[in-house]
Amino acid sequence: MDFYDRGYSAYMDNIGKRIRALRVRKGITRQSDFGELIGIDQSTVSDIESKSRKFYADTLLRMAEVLEVSPWHIMQGGEQEDMTSIELTRVYQQLPEAERAMLLKMAQALLPNTVNRKVA
């Protein structure tokens, strides 16, 4: 195993530990229950959490949804993003430009001291 492989293995090990911690914090104590929720078997969950097993992006997205964190948080850690803000961003990006401007005005109207603020 070369330096790159050891570094990658350590990176995946950290992801596995993070997934396990997030799963347990969410109250999903059994790997088999988590696997059922995300569409993989218990042994695959175990391998991801303990043996640095690689997994596909669709599995990452399902884990993020079940754990109510961003995929980025699973992969990198750090401050956890609020899933509501992620969903709002996703919806905003799908809107036509005119509706984006309207949504921005509505959101600004909800904030204090924004009565005279101009929308860019």
Protein backbone atom coordinates (compact mmCIF):
# COMPACT_ATOMS: atom_id res chain seq x y z
CA MET A 1 0.00 0.00 0.00
CA ASP A 2 1.55 3.30 -1.08
CA PHE A 3 1.23 6.70 0.59
CA TYR A 4 -1.79 7.67 -1.52
CA ASP A 5 -3.66 4.46 -0.64
CA ARG A 6 -2.95 4.93 3.08
CA GLY A 7 -4.18 8.53 2.92
CA TYR A 8 -7.32 7.52 1.07
CA SER A 9 -7.96 4.71 3.51
CA ALA A 10 -7.68 7.11 6.45
CA TYR A 11 -10.02 9.56 4.71
CA MET A 12 -12.65 6.84 4.15
CA ASP A 13 -12.18 5.61 7.72
CA ASN A 14 -13.08 9.09 8.98
CA ILE A 15 -16.17 9.11 6.77
CA GLY A 16 -17.20 5.71 8.13
CA LYS A 17 -16.82 6.90 11.71
CA ARG A 18 -18.79 10.06 10.90
CA ILE A 19 -21.61 8.03 9.31
CA ARG A 20 -21.79 5.77 12.34
CA ALA A 21 -21.86 8.72 14.75
CA LEU A 22 -24.57 10.47 12.73
CA ARG A 23 -26.61 7.26 12.51
CA VAL A 24 -26.47 6.64 16.25
CA ARG A 25 -27.21 10.31 17.03
CA LYS A 26 -30.27 10.01 14.79
CA GLY A 27 -31.40 7.08 16.96
CA ILE A 28 -30.81 4.40 14.33
CA THR A 29 -28.84 2.02 16.49
CA ARG A 30 -28.94 -1.05 14.24
CA GLN A 31 -26.95 -1.14 11.04
CA SER A 32 -29.60 -3.38 9.49
CA ASP A 33 -32.28 -0.72 10.10
CA PHE A 34 -30.08 1.96 8.53
CA GLY A 35 -29.30 -0.29 5.58
CA GLU A 36 -33.00 -0.91 5.01
CA LEU A 37 -33.67 2.84 5.02
CA ILE A 38 -30.98 3.55 2.42
CA GLY A 39 -31.33 0.42 0.31
CA ILE A 40 -28.21 -1.57 1.17
CA ASP A 41 -27.66 -4.61 3.37
CA GLN A 42 -26.28 -4.60 6.91
CA SER A 43 -22.92 -6.05 5.90
CA THR A 44 -22.38 -3.19 3.45
CA VAL A 45 -23.22 -0.64 6.16
CA SER A 46 -20.75 -2.41 8.44
CA ASP A 47 -18.05 -2.33 5.77
CA ILE A 48 -18.64 1.38 5.09
CA GLU A 49 -18.51 2.25 8.78
CA SER A 50 -15.58 0.07 9.79
CA LYS A 51 -13.54 -1.06 6.80
CA SER A 52 -13.31 2.08 4.68
CA ARG A 53 -15.49 0.58 1.95
CA LYS A 54 -16.16 2.88 -1.00
CA PHE A 55 -19.76 3.67 -1.91
CA TYR A 56 -21.62 5.31 -4.77
CA ALA A 57 -23.01 8.84 -4.90
CA ASP A 58 -26.62 7.60 -4.83
CA THR A 59 -25.88 5.83 -1.54
CA LEU A 60 -24.32 9.03 -0.18
CA LEU A 61 -27.44 10.99 -1.14
CA ARG A 62 -29.76 8.47 0.51
CA MET A 63 -27.60 8.49 3.68
CA ALA A 64 -27.68 12.28 3.77
CA GLU A 65 -31.45 12.31 3.41
CA VAL A 66 -32.02 9.73 6.16
CA LEU A 67 -29.47 11.35 8.49
CA GLU A 68 -30.81 14.84 7.68
CA VAL A 69 -27.40 16.30 6.89
CA SER A 70 -25.81 17.46 3.67
CA PRO A 71 -23.72 15.03 1.63
CA TRP A 72 -20.87 17.50 2.11
CA HIS A 73 -21.15 17.11 5.89
CA ILE A 74 -20.85 13.34 5.57
CA MET A 75 -17.80 13.63 3.33
CA GLN A 76 -15.98 16.51 5.00
CA GLY A 77 -17.41 16.97 8.48
CA GLY A 78 -17.29 20.40 10.01
CA GLU A 79 -20.31 22.49 10.78
CA GLN A 80 -23.52 20.73 9.96
CA GLU A 81 -25.76 22.46 7.45
CA ASP A 82 -29.43 22.90 8.10
CA MET A 83 -31.34 20.64 5.69
CA THR A 84 -34.05 23.28 5.30
CA SER A 85 -31.55 25.74 3.85
CA ILE A 86 -30.28 23.07 1.47
CA GLU A 87 -33.83 22.34 0.31
CA LEU A 88 -34.58 26.06 -0.08
CA THR A 89 -31.47 26.45 -2.23
CA ARG A 90 -32.48 23.49 -4.39
CA VAL A 91 -35.98 24.90 -4.91
CA TYR A 92 -34.65 28.39 -5.59
CA GLN A 93 -32.29 27.09 -8.27
CA GLN A 94 -35.16 25.41 -10.10
CA LEU A 95 -37.29 28.56 -10.31
CA PRO A 96 -37.42 30.87 -13.32
CA GLU A 97 -35.63 34.20 -12.82
CA ALA A 98 -38.83 36.23 -12.26
CA GLU A 99 -40.01 33.85 -9.54
CA ARG A 100 -36.55 33.93 -7.94
CA ALA A 101 -36.80 37.72 -7.66
CA MET A 102 -40.30 37.45 -6.17
CA LEU A 103 -39.17 34.84 -3.65
CA LEU A 104 -36.20 37.00 -2.63
CA LYS A 105 -38.51 39.99 -2.05
CA MET A 106 -40.84 37.85 0.06
CA ALA A 107 -37.96 36.52 2.15
CA GLN A 108 -36.54 39.99 2.68
CA ALA A 109 -39.96 41.24 3.77
CA LEU A 110 -39.89 38.70 6.58
CA LEU A 111 -36.68 40.15 8.01
CA PRO A 112 -36.70 43.16 10.33
CA ASN A 113 -35.24 46.41 8.99
CA THR A 114 -35.48 45.41 5.35
CA VAL A 115 -38.39 47.66 4.34
CA ASN A 116 -36.20 49.99 2.27
CA ARG A 117 -33.70 47.38 1.05
CA LYS A 118 -33.44 47.14 -2.74
CA VAL A 119 -33.36 43.78 -4.50
CA ALA A 120 -30.43 43.37 -6.86
